[in-house]
Each structure stands twice: as structure tokens, then as C-alpha cells.
Amino acid sequence: MSPAAGPATVRQPEVAGAFYPADPGACADLVMRSLEDARPAPPGEPKVIVAPHAGHVYSGPIAGTAYAPLVERSNRIRRVVMVGPAHRVGFSGVATTSADAWASPLGTVPVDWPAMQPVLTRPGFRIADAAFAREHCLEVQLPFLQRALDDFSIVPILVGDASQDDVAEVLETLWGGPETLILISTDLSHFHDYGTAQRLDSETATLIELLQPEKIDGERACGCRGLGGALLRAQELDLRVTALDVRNSGATSGTKDRVVGYGAFAMEYAESARLSDNDRARLLDAARASLAFGVENGQPMPATLDAGLSPALRAMRASFITLRVAGQLRGCCGTITAQEPLLLNVVANAYKSGFEDPRFSPVTAEELAQADLSISILSTPRLVRFTDEADLLRQVRPDRDGLILQDGDRRGLFLPSVWERYPSAAQFVEQLKRKADPATHHWSGSLRVSRFTAESFGGPFRTG
């Protein structure tokens, strides 16, 4: 029960009949159609989802794509931390309501007051019922949650004049484990023509996938503060972000001269993230085709993105391609930070590994026939803070971390797969120093080390 004394209170729906149907049957039907018509999403268990908050006839199809993957986890998610922007009442800081439960036409959901206790004492966090008056950004999400999940509670949070760092700190307190889902409610661009909105929202989706909250303002996303806080947590905790569906009201139910942009995104722990078997097979085939084209034509293979390509293969990712012949390394090249969609990155790096690795001569057709290739999808590198080499060794996680060591123009990178050769942290770091600077095994006070994780898979070049 809320800190206020007295009987339990329920926040009644305030935008039913305007943003979504007030009739329970009509509301349930509209939500279920959006869930059933959701675009395919990669497998996984998102810790954070981003969903739009316009009227259901406009943004519902995109929101459905954010929520549909939760159905398989419906009995495991017990708490949803809902974060959205204040549209109607200005205030400083972050707020919640005094209500003990929230209602929609589909029923009532309790507020998890015990979970909220640690944030109630934070500076800038307040109970402000007036800020929620006629506020739609969280309320419109409730029917989707009620159809996607089983028994759950909510922690409703409205963001006023607060920084992304402020929001990140609140999320850190409420983060929890697999029982807790973080929901970020935001639309994207507002009131541009269809083409301009498509361009702006595509750019914003790229920034979100690249974990660059500092470049996302209110012109790109009305919930930029909540979104930014989640992206800061994603940076810290090594989450991988995928844009599942990005469209605007002109594509769903409206004219195209003045549209609002919508996006559905999923953020999952990179270390446990996994592409579907079909997507893995598609990437291996693309790498094989790139190598075969290189042997036959002596140049990179042109590549484009098909209209029906999965969101995971369109996502901004960095990859490394490793080529081995008779068990011996024959080429390994890649990209440290994401610069392009994953499929295009794999095609480009496969060619580089076969023909542009300065340590080896270009691979031949005969060698390719005996070759095995491996694809590693890198997470966003995170700086490791340490006092000396001993401190670094204590922090390195064997069999999990890839490392990038850099000092000026000296740089070395080891994928997590290299732990197979150097199983101790001391060996791993020592050999990485040798790679960065073979002459001196370089170490200095200005040296920087970043860590990343990788999803790796592979297969033979010849599959027949």
C-alpha cells in the first residue's frame, strides 16, 4: 500500500475512449490484433522494451511488435517498471502516483510499493498525482501488458525536468532480475511529412542501436530522457539493442502530410543474446558468397539489404570473421564498433579476412574448399577502469571477455575465443600486450583497455 494512510486507491482510466476503446471487448480485440499481427522479432529475453504511446489505432501495430515477444515469458515477468515523459504538467525530477493500483478496461493491476520504497527517498523523486492527470503515455501501455503477461505489478514513473543520468540512477535502483521488465514509453518524431519522418526516425533508430543517448533529444523522441536513461544502463550492463519495427502514423492509420513516428525496440544482455538459426545460416551464406566472389573477381561483392530481412540482420552491429584452413588461422578481420547493418558488415569483413589481412597472402579457391569460418558479433566495447595491471587481471573474466588494448597508435584485440589458447587472465593479457607491441610487451599509465562480449558461430565453407 502507498505511504499515504487510508484505504487502497485505484487510478481509473483517464484516456479510455480517446486513445483506446473504453469498451472491454473492443479494447481486448484491438490489442490482440496488434499482438497477433506483430512483425517477427529475434529470439531472446529483452530486459528493456521501448514502445510507442499514441492512440492504439495509430501506434498499436508497432507497440504489438514490442510486446509480442513477452508472451513466452508471461509467467516469469512479475514486475514492470513503466517510464514515460510528462506531456501535460511540467515539474522537476521524477514522479509516481499515490495510487495502489491502476485500472484499464481490461482490469486492475497493483502498484508494487515495496519495490518503490528505495527510490522514494531519492532527491528529486516525488509522489505527484497532478502530473498524471489526463497523462496517456503509461496508461495506453497497460492493456498491452495485461494481454501479454499473467500476474504482474507495476512501478509507474513519469519523467519531468530530469537528466538522463537521473533516470539511469532510478532505473539502477529498480532494475531487479529476470522477474523485472523495464518499459520505456516514447514516440519518435512529431508532425513532419511522411518522407522526412522516415529519414529522421531511421536516424534515431540507428542512434538507439548504437547506444548514443547524448544525440537523442526531444525532437527525435518525446521520451528522450527515459530512453536516454535506459541507454545509459545498456552501456553499463552490455545490452544489445534491436529495432524491431519503425514506422509512422502515415503507414498505419492517417494522412502522410503530418505524421508521428513510432518505434519498437528490444534491449537484451549481449552475452546471452542469440540470433535465430535462420539468421545465423543467412550470415554464414553471406560470408561464403563474399569469399567466393572475392576469389572469382578479385574485389568485394556488392551487397544490399532485402526488404524482408529480419530486424536482427538490419541492426547496427560490429563483427569479426575468422578463417581457418586445416585448423590453422588463415585470416581474421573485423570491426570494433558498429558502423553499418550486420549483414553488410559480415559481407565486408569476410572479404577482408580472405584477401586483406596483412599477415597472410590472399586465400585461394583450393584453400577455401578446405576452410572453416567463424562469425563473431561484438557488443559495444566498455572501458575497464583499473589502477594497475594486477587490478586489470582481477577484473578480466576468462572465457567471457574480449579485450581491446590501446595506447596511442598501439592496439591489440583478442576475441573471447582466444581464451581457448590462453586460459588464464595473466596469459591472455600478456599475449595481448605482445600483439599490440611485439617489441616491448607495452604497458604504460596511459594505456586504455575495453571489454566486450561476442556471440560466435561458424561452419565449413563448403556445405555440400
Protein backbone atom coordinates (compact mmCIF):
# COMPACT_ATOMS: atom_id res chain seq x y z
CA MET A 1 0.00 0.00 0.00
CA SER A 2 1.13 3.56 -0.70
CA PRO A 3 2.87 5.55 2.05
CA ALA A 4 -0.28 7.63 2.50
CA ALA A 5 -2.63 6.42 5.20
CA GLY A 6 -6.15 5.39 4.31
CA PRO A 7 -7.96 2.85 2.13
CA ALA A 8 -6.41 1.49 -1.07
CA THR A 9 -6.89 3.74 -4.08
CA VAL A 10 -7.14 2.88 -7.78
CA ARG A 11 -6.18 5.20 -10.62
CA GLN A 12 -9.09 4.96 -13.02
CA PRO A 13 -8.50 5.11 -16.80
CA GLU A 14 -8.49 8.71 -17.96
CA VAL A 15 -7.92 8.41 -21.73
CA ALA A 16 -10.09 5.36 -22.46
CA GLY A 17 -12.47 6.21 -25.25
CA ALA A 18 -9.93 8.60 -26.74
CA PHE A 19 -6.59 6.79 -27.06
CA TYR A 20 -8.07 3.28 -26.95
CA PRO A 21 -11.56 1.78 -26.65
CA ALA A 22 -13.34 2.13 -23.32
CA ASP A 23 -15.41 -0.99 -24.00
CA PRO A 24 -13.55 -4.03 -22.58
CA GLY A 25 -14.34 -6.28 -25.54
CA ALA A 26 -13.33 -3.72 -28.15
CA CYS A 27 -10.17 -2.87 -26.21
CA ALA A 28 -9.17 -6.53 -25.91
CA ASP A 29 -9.87 -7.16 -29.60
CA LEU A 30 -7.76 -4.20 -30.75
CA VAL A 31 -4.83 -5.16 -28.52
CA MET A 32 -4.98 -8.82 -29.55
CA ARG A 33 -5.00 -7.90 -33.25
CA SER A 34 -1.87 -5.83 -32.69
CA LEU A 35 -0.16 -8.71 -30.88
CA GLU A 36 -1.20 -11.29 -33.47
CA ASP A 37 -0.11 -9.10 -36.38
CA ALA A 38 3.25 -8.23 -34.78
CA ARG A 39 6.28 -8.34 -37.01
CA PRO A 40 8.68 -11.23 -36.31
CA ALA A 41 11.22 -10.48 -33.57
CA PRO A 42 14.55 -12.18 -32.86
CA PRO A 43 14.56 -14.84 -30.15
CA GLY A 44 15.65 -13.68 -26.74
CA GLU A 45 14.55 -12.27 -23.42
CA PRO A 46 14.63 -8.46 -23.53
CA LYS A 47 15.34 -6.74 -20.26
CA VAL A 48 14.07 -3.45 -21.68
CA ILE A 49 11.44 -2.80 -24.31
CA VAL A 50 10.59 0.51 -25.96
CA ALA A 51 7.02 1.02 -27.17
CA PRO A 52 5.10 4.00 -28.59
CA HIS A 53 2.20 5.62 -26.75
CA ALA A 54 -0.16 7.18 -29.31
CA GLY A 55 -3.74 6.12 -29.90
CA HIS A 56 -3.90 2.37 -30.45
CA VAL A 57 -5.23 2.72 -33.99
CA TYR A 58 -2.08 4.65 -34.88
CA SER A 59 0.76 3.13 -32.85
CA GLY A 60 -0.83 -0.16 -31.81
CA PRO A 61 0.69 -2.24 -34.63
CA ILE A 62 4.18 -1.07 -33.66
CA ALA A 63 3.55 -1.48 -29.93
CA GLY A 64 2.32 -5.00 -30.59
CA THR A 65 5.70 -5.89 -32.03
CA ALA A 66 7.38 -4.71 -28.81
CA TYR A 67 5.02 -6.71 -26.60
CA ALA A 68 4.52 -9.93 -28.57
CA PRO A 69 7.88 -11.47 -27.54
CA LEU A 70 6.86 -11.14 -23.88
CA VAL A 71 4.07 -13.70 -24.23
CA GLU A 72 6.53 -16.60 -23.97
CA ARG A 73 7.78 -15.14 -20.66
CA SER A 74 4.32 -14.23 -19.38
CA ASN A 75 4.63 -16.34 -16.24
CA ARG A 76 8.16 -15.19 -15.40
CA ILE A 77 7.78 -11.40 -15.52
CA ARG A 78 6.29 -10.28 -12.21
CA ARG A 79 7.07 -6.54 -12.21
CA VAL A 80 7.06 -3.89 -14.94
CA VAL A 81 8.83 -0.57 -14.35
CA MET A 82 6.97 1.83 -16.67
CA VAL A 83 8.81 5.03 -17.61
CA GLY A 84 7.31 7.77 -19.73
CA PRO A 85 7.52 11.53 -20.37
CA ALA A 86 5.25 14.16 -18.82
CA HIS A 87 3.22 15.73 -21.63
CA ARG A 88 0.69 17.88 -19.74
CA VAL A 89 2.10 19.06 -16.41
CA GLY A 90 5.60 20.39 -16.02
CA PHE A 91 7.59 19.50 -12.92
CA SER A 92 11.18 18.93 -11.89
CA GLY A 93 12.56 15.48 -11.22
CA VAL A 94 10.78 12.14 -11.46
CA ALA A 95 7.32 11.28 -10.12
CA THR A 96 4.88 8.49 -9.39
CA THR A 97 1.24 8.41 -8.27
CA SER A 98 -0.15 7.67 -4.83
CA ALA A 99 -2.47 5.01 -6.26
CA ASP A 100 -2.23 1.43 -5.03
CA ALA A 101 -3.40 0.09 -8.37
CA TRP A 102 -4.09 1.20 -11.95
CA ALA A 103 -7.21 0.22 -13.87
CA SER A 104 -7.92 -0.18 -17.58
CA PRO A 105 -10.98 -1.59 -19.35
CA LEU A 106 -9.26 -4.98 -19.02
CA GLY A 107 -8.96 -4.95 -15.25
CA THR A 108 -6.79 -3.69 -12.41
CA VAL A 109 -3.04 -4.04 -11.87
CA PRO A 110 -1.43 -3.45 -8.47
CA VAL A 111 1.39 -0.99 -7.87
CA ASP A 112 4.49 -2.59 -6.34
CA TRP A 113 5.02 -0.21 -3.44
CA PRO A 114 7.65 -2.39 -1.69
CA ALA A 115 9.82 -2.26 -4.82
CA MET A 116 9.40 1.51 -4.99
CA GLN A 117 10.46 2.19 -1.41
CA PRO A 118 14.20 2.65 -2.18
CA VAL A 119 13.52 5.40 -4.76
CA LEU A 120 11.00 7.31 -2.67
CA THR A 121 13.80 8.81 -0.59
CA ARG A 122 15.86 9.89 -3.59
CA PRO A 123 16.30 13.64 -4.14
CA GLY A 124 14.02 14.76 -6.96
CA PHE A 125 11.68 11.76 -6.71
CA ARG A 126 8.15 12.61 -5.64
CA ILE A 127 4.56 11.49 -5.49
CA ALA A 128 2.69 13.89 -7.78
CA ASP A 129 -0.82 12.81 -8.74
CA ALA A 130 -1.47 16.10 -10.53
CA ALA A 131 1.26 15.32 -13.05
CA PHE A 132 -0.64 12.18 -14.12
CA ALA A 133 -3.93 13.93 -14.80
CA ARG A 134 -5.01 13.07 -18.38
CA GLU A 135 -1.47 11.79 -19.00
CA HIS A 136 -1.61 9.00 -21.56
CA CYS A 137 1.95 7.74 -22.03
CA LEU A 138 1.77 4.99 -19.38
CA GLU A 139 -1.94 4.33 -19.35
CA VAL A 140 -2.04 3.28 -23.03
CA GLN A 141 0.59 0.61 -22.30
CA LEU A 142 -1.47 -1.10 -19.61
CA PRO A 143 -3.87 -3.06 -21.90
CA PHE A 144 -0.90 -4.46 -23.83
CA LEU A 145 0.76 -5.61 -20.62
CA GLN A 146 -2.50 -7.14 -19.41
CA ARG A 147 -2.80 -9.24 -22.55
CA ALA A 148 0.89 -10.17 -22.87
CA LEU A 149 1.59 -11.09 -19.22
CA ASP A 150 -0.03 -13.11 -16.44
CA ASP A 151 0.04 -11.85 -12.85
CA PHE A 152 2.24 -8.78 -12.52
CA SER A 153 2.58 -5.47 -10.73
CA ILE A 154 3.73 -2.09 -12.00
CA VAL A 155 6.02 0.72 -10.92
CA PRO A 156 4.68 3.78 -12.81
CA ILE A 157 7.23 6.57 -13.30
CA LEU A 158 6.77 9.89 -15.06
CA VAL A 159 9.85 11.89 -16.05
CA GLY A 160 9.72 15.66 -15.81
CA ASP A 161 12.66 18.04 -15.94
CA ALA A 162 15.30 15.43 -15.10
CA SER A 163 18.51 14.38 -16.75
CA GLN A 164 19.18 11.07 -18.43
CA ASP A 165 21.63 10.36 -15.61
CA ASP A 166 18.87 10.94 -13.06
CA VAL A 167 16.66 8.42 -14.84
CA ALA A 168 19.52 5.92 -15.13
CA GLU A 169 20.06 6.10 -11.35
CA VAL A 170 16.36 5.45 -10.70
CA LEU A 171 16.44 2.50 -13.12
CA GLU A 172 19.53 1.12 -11.42
CA THR A 173 17.64 1.03 -8.12
CA LEU A 174 14.62 -0.66 -9.70
CA TRP A 175 16.48 -2.90 -12.17
CA GLY A 176 15.93 -6.22 -10.43
CA GLY A 177 16.46 -9.59 -12.08
CA PRO A 178 14.60 -11.60 -14.73
CA GLU A 179 11.34 -11.00 -12.87
CA THR A 180 11.53 -7.28 -13.70
CA LEU A 181 10.88 -5.76 -17.12
CA ILE A 182 11.76 -2.15 -17.91
CA LEU A 183 9.28 -0.46 -20.27
CA ILE A 184 10.22 2.84 -21.91
CA SER A 185 7.25 4.68 -23.39
CA THR A 186 8.10 7.12 -26.19
CA ASP A 187 7.10 8.20 -29.66
CA LEU A 188 9.69 9.37 -32.15
CA SER A 189 9.49 12.41 -34.46
CA HIS A 190 6.39 14.60 -34.47
CA PHE A 191 4.42 16.36 -37.22
CA HIS A 192 6.74 16.07 -40.21
CA ASP A 193 5.74 14.89 -43.66
CA TYR A 194 5.98 11.14 -44.29
CA GLY A 195 9.38 11.15 -46.02
CA THR A 196 11.03 13.47 -43.50
CA ALA A 197 9.70 11.38 -40.62
CA GLN A 198 11.04 8.19 -42.21
CA ARG A 199 14.50 9.73 -42.51
CA LEU A 200 14.57 11.19 -39.00
CA ASP A 201 13.19 8.05 -37.35
CA SER A 202 15.65 5.84 -39.21
CA GLU A 203 18.48 8.03 -37.94
CA THR A 204 17.09 7.86 -34.40
CA ALA A 205 16.78 4.07 -34.58
CA THR A 206 20.44 3.92 -35.56
CA LEU A 207 21.43 6.11 -32.60
CA ILE A 208 19.43 3.87 -30.28
CA GLU A 209 21.08 0.71 -31.59
CA LEU A 210 24.50 2.37 -31.28
CA LEU A 211 23.77 3.33 -27.63
CA GLN A 212 24.23 7.06 -28.22
CA PRO A 213 21.68 8.76 -25.93
CA GLU A 214 23.57 12.05 -25.95
CA LYS A 215 22.48 12.53 -29.58
CA ILE A 216 18.77 11.92 -28.92
CA ASP A 217 16.73 14.98 -27.92
CA GLY A 218 13.07 15.85 -27.72
CA GLU A 219 12.88 16.49 -31.44
CA ARG A 220 13.77 12.85 -32.08
CA ALA A 221 11.84 11.24 -29.20
CA CYS A 222 9.42 12.86 -26.74
CA GLY A 223 10.55 10.34 -24.13
CA CYS A 224 14.22 11.10 -24.73
CA ARG A 225 15.02 11.37 -21.01
CA GLY A 226 13.58 7.98 -20.11
CA LEU A 227 15.03 6.44 -23.26
CA GLY A 228 18.39 8.03 -22.55
CA GLY A 229 18.42 6.66 -19.02
CA ALA A 230 17.77 3.15 -20.34
CA LEU A 231 20.54 3.51 -22.93
CA LEU A 232 23.00 4.61 -20.25
CA ARG A 233 22.15 1.43 -18.35
CA ALA A 234 22.56 -0.52 -21.58
CA GLN A 235 26.07 0.91 -21.96
CA GLU A 236 27.00 -0.04 -18.43
CA LEU A 237 25.49 -3.53 -18.44
CA ASP A 238 26.38 -4.57 -22.01
CA LEU A 239 22.91 -4.71 -23.54
CA ARG A 240 22.34 -5.23 -27.25
CA VAL A 241 19.57 -3.14 -28.83
CA THR A 242 17.50 -4.16 -31.84
CA ALA A 243 14.98 -2.01 -33.69
CA LEU A 244 12.02 -4.35 -34.22
CA ASP A 245 9.68 -2.03 -36.11
CA VAL A 246 9.97 1.65 -37.05
CA ARG A 247 7.02 3.23 -38.85
CA ASN A 248 4.81 6.30 -38.56
CA SER A 249 1.14 7.14 -38.44
CA GLY A 250 1.07 7.65 -42.20
CA ALA A 251 1.77 3.93 -42.59
CA THR A 252 -0.82 2.76 -40.07
CA SER A 253 -3.93 4.94 -39.95
CA GLY A 254 -3.59 8.52 -41.09
CA THR A 255 -2.60 11.02 -43.72
CA LYS A 256 1.03 11.43 -44.80
CA ASP A 257 1.38 15.19 -44.62
CA ARG A 258 1.72 15.47 -40.82
CA VAL A 259 2.76 12.25 -39.11
CA VAL A 260 4.13 10.95 -35.81
CA GLY A 261 6.94 8.40 -35.73
CA TYR A 262 6.82 5.19 -33.70
CA GLY A 263 9.45 2.61 -32.83
CA ALA A 264 9.54 -0.77 -31.10
CA PHE A 265 12.93 -1.75 -29.64
CA ALA A 266 14.28 -4.61 -27.53
CA MET A 267 17.34 -4.44 -25.27
CA GLU A 268 18.82 -7.76 -24.11
CA TYR A 269 22.02 -8.79 -22.37
CA ALA A 270 24.59 -9.13 -25.16
CA GLU A 271 26.37 -12.04 -23.51
CA SER A 272 23.27 -14.25 -23.71
CA ALA A 273 21.83 -12.81 -26.93
CA ARG A 274 21.46 -15.25 -29.79
CA LEU A 275 20.37 -14.91 -33.39
CA SER A 276 17.78 -17.30 -34.76
CA ASP A 277 19.08 -20.36 -36.59
CA ASN A 278 17.78 -18.87 -39.84
CA ASP A 279 19.64 -15.61 -39.28
CA ARG A 280 22.85 -17.45 -38.42
CA ALA A 281 22.52 -19.51 -41.59
CA ARG A 282 21.85 -16.36 -43.61
CA LEU A 283 25.03 -14.71 -42.29
CA LEU A 284 27.17 -17.79 -42.95
CA ASP A 285 25.83 -17.98 -46.50
CA ALA A 286 26.58 -14.27 -46.97
CA ALA A 287 30.16 -14.75 -45.73
CA ARG A 288 30.64 -17.75 -48.04
CA ALA A 289 29.28 -15.79 -51.01
CA SER A 290 31.58 -12.86 -50.22
CA LEU A 291 34.66 -15.11 -50.14
CA ALA A 292 33.66 -16.97 -53.31
CA PHE A 293 33.04 -13.69 -55.12
CA GLY A 294 36.44 -12.43 -54.00
CA VAL A 295 38.24 -15.47 -55.36
CA GLU A 296 36.44 -15.25 -58.69
CA ASN A 297 36.51 -11.49 -59.20
CA GLY A 298 39.33 -10.11 -57.09
CA GLN A 299 37.11 -7.48 -55.47
CA PRO A 300 34.44 -7.11 -52.78
CA MET A 301 30.96 -8.40 -53.50
CA PRO A 302 28.23 -5.76 -53.84
CA ALA A 303 25.59 -6.24 -51.15
CA THR A 304 22.22 -4.71 -50.36
CA LEU A 305 19.51 -5.23 -47.73
CA ASP A 306 16.44 -7.15 -48.87
CA ALA A 307 13.03 -5.77 -47.95
CA GLY A 308 12.16 -8.89 -45.97
CA LEU A 309 15.40 -9.03 -43.98
CA SER A 310 14.96 -9.72 -40.27
CA PRO A 311 15.46 -6.87 -37.75
CA ALA A 312 18.49 -8.66 -36.27
CA LEU A 313 20.34 -8.63 -39.60
CA ARG A 314 19.44 -4.99 -40.21
CA ALA A 315 20.64 -3.93 -36.76
CA MET A 316 23.80 -1.87 -36.38
CA ARG A 317 26.44 -4.37 -35.29
CA ALA A 318 30.20 -4.93 -35.37
CA SER A 319 31.55 -8.30 -36.43
CA PHE A 320 34.77 -10.25 -36.90
CA ILE A 321 35.23 -13.07 -39.41
CA THR A 322 37.82 -15.74 -38.68
CA LEU A 323 39.02 -18.02 -41.47
CA ARG A 324 40.92 -21.26 -40.79
CA VAL A 325 42.37 -23.81 -43.19
CA ALA A 326 43.31 -27.25 -41.84
CA GLY A 327 42.91 -25.83 -38.34
CA GLN A 328 45.39 -23.02 -38.91
CA LEU A 329 44.48 -19.34 -38.84
CA ARG A 330 44.23 -18.00 -42.40
CA GLY A 331 42.66 -14.61 -41.81
CA CYS A 332 40.81 -12.63 -39.18
CA CYS A 333 39.47 -9.12 -39.76
CA GLY A 334 36.57 -7.15 -38.41
CA THR A 335 35.10 -4.00 -36.98
CA ILE A 336 35.44 -2.89 -33.38
CA THR A 337 32.45 -0.55 -33.28
CA ALA A 338 29.24 -0.81 -35.27
CA GLN A 339 29.15 1.27 -38.45
CA GLU A 340 26.57 -0.46 -40.65
CA PRO A 341 23.87 -3.15 -40.60
CA LEU A 342 25.10 -6.56 -39.51
CA LEU A 343 24.57 -8.34 -42.83
CA LEU A 344 26.60 -5.74 -44.76
CA ASN A 345 29.29 -5.77 -42.08
CA VAL A 346 29.68 -9.55 -42.32
CA VAL A 347 29.93 -9.41 -46.12
CA ALA A 348 32.63 -6.72 -45.95
CA ASN A 349 34.63 -8.40 -43.18
CA ALA A 350 34.53 -11.81 -44.83
CA TYR A 351 36.25 -10.31 -47.87
CA LYS A 352 38.82 -8.53 -45.71
CA SER A 353 39.60 -11.73 -43.80
CA GLY A 354 40.16 -13.67 -47.00
CA PHE A 355 42.04 -11.09 -49.03
CA GLU A 356 43.18 -8.10 -46.95
CA ASP A 357 44.60 -9.48 -43.71
CA PRO A 358 48.18 -8.10 -43.87
CA ARG A 359 49.55 -11.20 -42.12
CA PHE A 360 48.56 -13.52 -44.97
CA SER A 361 48.50 -13.75 -48.74
CA PRO A 362 45.04 -13.75 -50.35
CA VAL A 363 43.20 -17.02 -49.89
CA THR A 364 42.91 -19.30 -52.94
CA ALA A 365 39.99 -21.31 -54.25
CA GLU A 366 41.75 -24.51 -53.21
CA GLU A 367 42.18 -23.27 -49.67
CA LEU A 368 38.58 -22.12 -49.45
CA ALA A 369 37.41 -25.62 -50.30
CA GLN A 370 39.03 -26.80 -47.05
CA ALA A 371 38.27 -23.74 -44.96
CA ASP A 372 36.12 -23.20 -41.89
CA LEU A 373 34.80 -19.80 -40.99
CA SER A 374 33.54 -18.28 -37.77
CA ILE A 375 31.43 -15.16 -37.25
CA SER A 376 31.65 -13.18 -34.01
CA ILE A 377 29.12 -10.43 -33.31
CA LEU A 378 30.64 -7.93 -30.88
CA SER A 379 28.85 -6.00 -28.20
CA THR A 380 29.61 -2.32 -27.68
CA PRO A 381 33.08 -2.03 -26.04
CA ARG A 382 33.06 -0.75 -22.44
CA LEU A 383 36.05 0.92 -20.82
CA VAL A 384 37.61 -1.02 -17.94
CA ARG A 385 38.78 1.18 -15.07
CA PHE A 386 41.83 -0.19 -13.23
CA THR A 387 44.75 1.08 -11.16
CA ASP A 388 47.49 -1.23 -12.43
CA GLU A 389 48.00 -4.49 -14.30
CA ALA A 390 47.21 -6.61 -11.25
CA ASP A 391 43.90 -4.79 -10.85
CA LEU A 392 43.10 -5.37 -14.52
CA LEU A 393 43.83 -9.09 -14.20
CA ARG A 394 41.44 -9.31 -11.26
CA GLN A 395 38.65 -7.79 -13.33
CA VAL A 396 39.09 -9.77 -16.56
CA ARG A 397 36.55 -12.58 -16.92
CA PRO A 398 38.05 -15.73 -18.53
CA ASP A 399 36.01 -17.33 -21.33
CA ARG A 400 33.69 -14.32 -21.39
CA ASP A 401 35.57 -11.11 -22.17
CA GLY A 402 37.09 -9.96 -25.38
CA LEU A 403 39.64 -7.20 -24.78
CA ILE A 404 40.90 -4.20 -26.72
CA LEU A 405 44.21 -2.76 -25.52
CA GLN A 406 45.19 0.65 -26.86
CA ASP A 407 47.80 3.30 -26.17
CA GLY A 408 48.35 5.90 -28.85
CA ASP A 409 48.84 4.07 -32.16
CA ARG A 410 49.45 0.73 -30.42
CA ARG A 411 46.39 -1.50 -30.37
CA GLY A 412 45.59 -5.16 -29.94
CA LEU A 413 42.31 -7.07 -29.85
CA PHE A 414 41.51 -10.59 -28.70
CA LEU A 415 38.11 -12.16 -29.27
CA PRO A 416 36.68 -14.25 -26.40
CA SER A 417 37.53 -17.37 -28.44
CA VAL A 418 41.23 -16.69 -27.78
CA TRP A 419 40.73 -17.94 -24.21
CA GLU A 420 40.97 -21.42 -25.75
CA ARG A 421 44.67 -20.74 -26.38
CA TYR A 422 45.42 -18.64 -23.30
CA PRO A 423 43.15 -19.89 -20.49
CA SER A 424 44.45 -17.69 -17.65
CA ALA A 425 43.96 -13.94 -17.32
CA ALA A 426 47.72 -13.43 -16.99
CA GLN A 427 48.42 -15.34 -20.23
CA PHE A 428 45.58 -13.64 -22.06
CA VAL A 429 46.69 -10.11 -21.18
CA GLU A 430 50.38 -10.84 -21.70
CA GLN A 431 49.78 -12.16 -25.20
CA LEU A 432 47.50 -9.23 -25.96
CA LYS A 433 50.32 -6.86 -24.97
CA ARG A 434 52.64 -8.76 -27.32
CA LYS A 435 50.12 -8.36 -30.11
CA ALA A 436 49.79 -4.62 -29.51
CA ASP A 437 53.56 -4.11 -29.36
CA PRO A 438 55.68 -7.23 -30.07
CA ALA A 439 58.93 -5.40 -29.26
CA THR A 440 58.20 -4.15 -25.74
CA HIS A 441 55.10 -6.00 -24.46
CA HIS A 442 53.87 -2.48 -23.93
CA TRP A 443 52.46 -1.20 -20.64
CA SER A 444 52.08 2.40 -19.52
CA GLY A 445 49.95 4.61 -17.32
CA SER A 446 48.09 5.94 -20.35
CA LEU A 447 47.05 2.52 -21.62
CA ARG A 448 43.29 2.00 -22.10
CA VAL A 449 41.53 -1.35 -22.04
CA SER A 450 37.96 -2.01 -23.15
CA ARG A 451 35.97 -5.20 -22.83
CA PHE A 452 33.21 -6.69 -24.95
CA THR A 453 31.32 -9.94 -25.31
CA ALA A 454 30.58 -11.81 -28.52
CA GLU A 455 28.04 -14.17 -29.99
CA SER A 456 30.07 -16.63 -32.10
CA PHE A 457 29.10 -19.40 -34.50
CA GLY A 458 30.52 -20.93 -37.65
CA GLY A 459 30.69 -23.68 -40.19
CA PRO A 460 32.65 -25.04 -43.15
CA PHE A 461 32.98 -23.01 -46.30
CA ARG A 462 31.81 -25.95 -48.41
CA THR A 463 28.43 -27.21 -47.22
CA GLY A 464 27.59 -29.72 -49.96
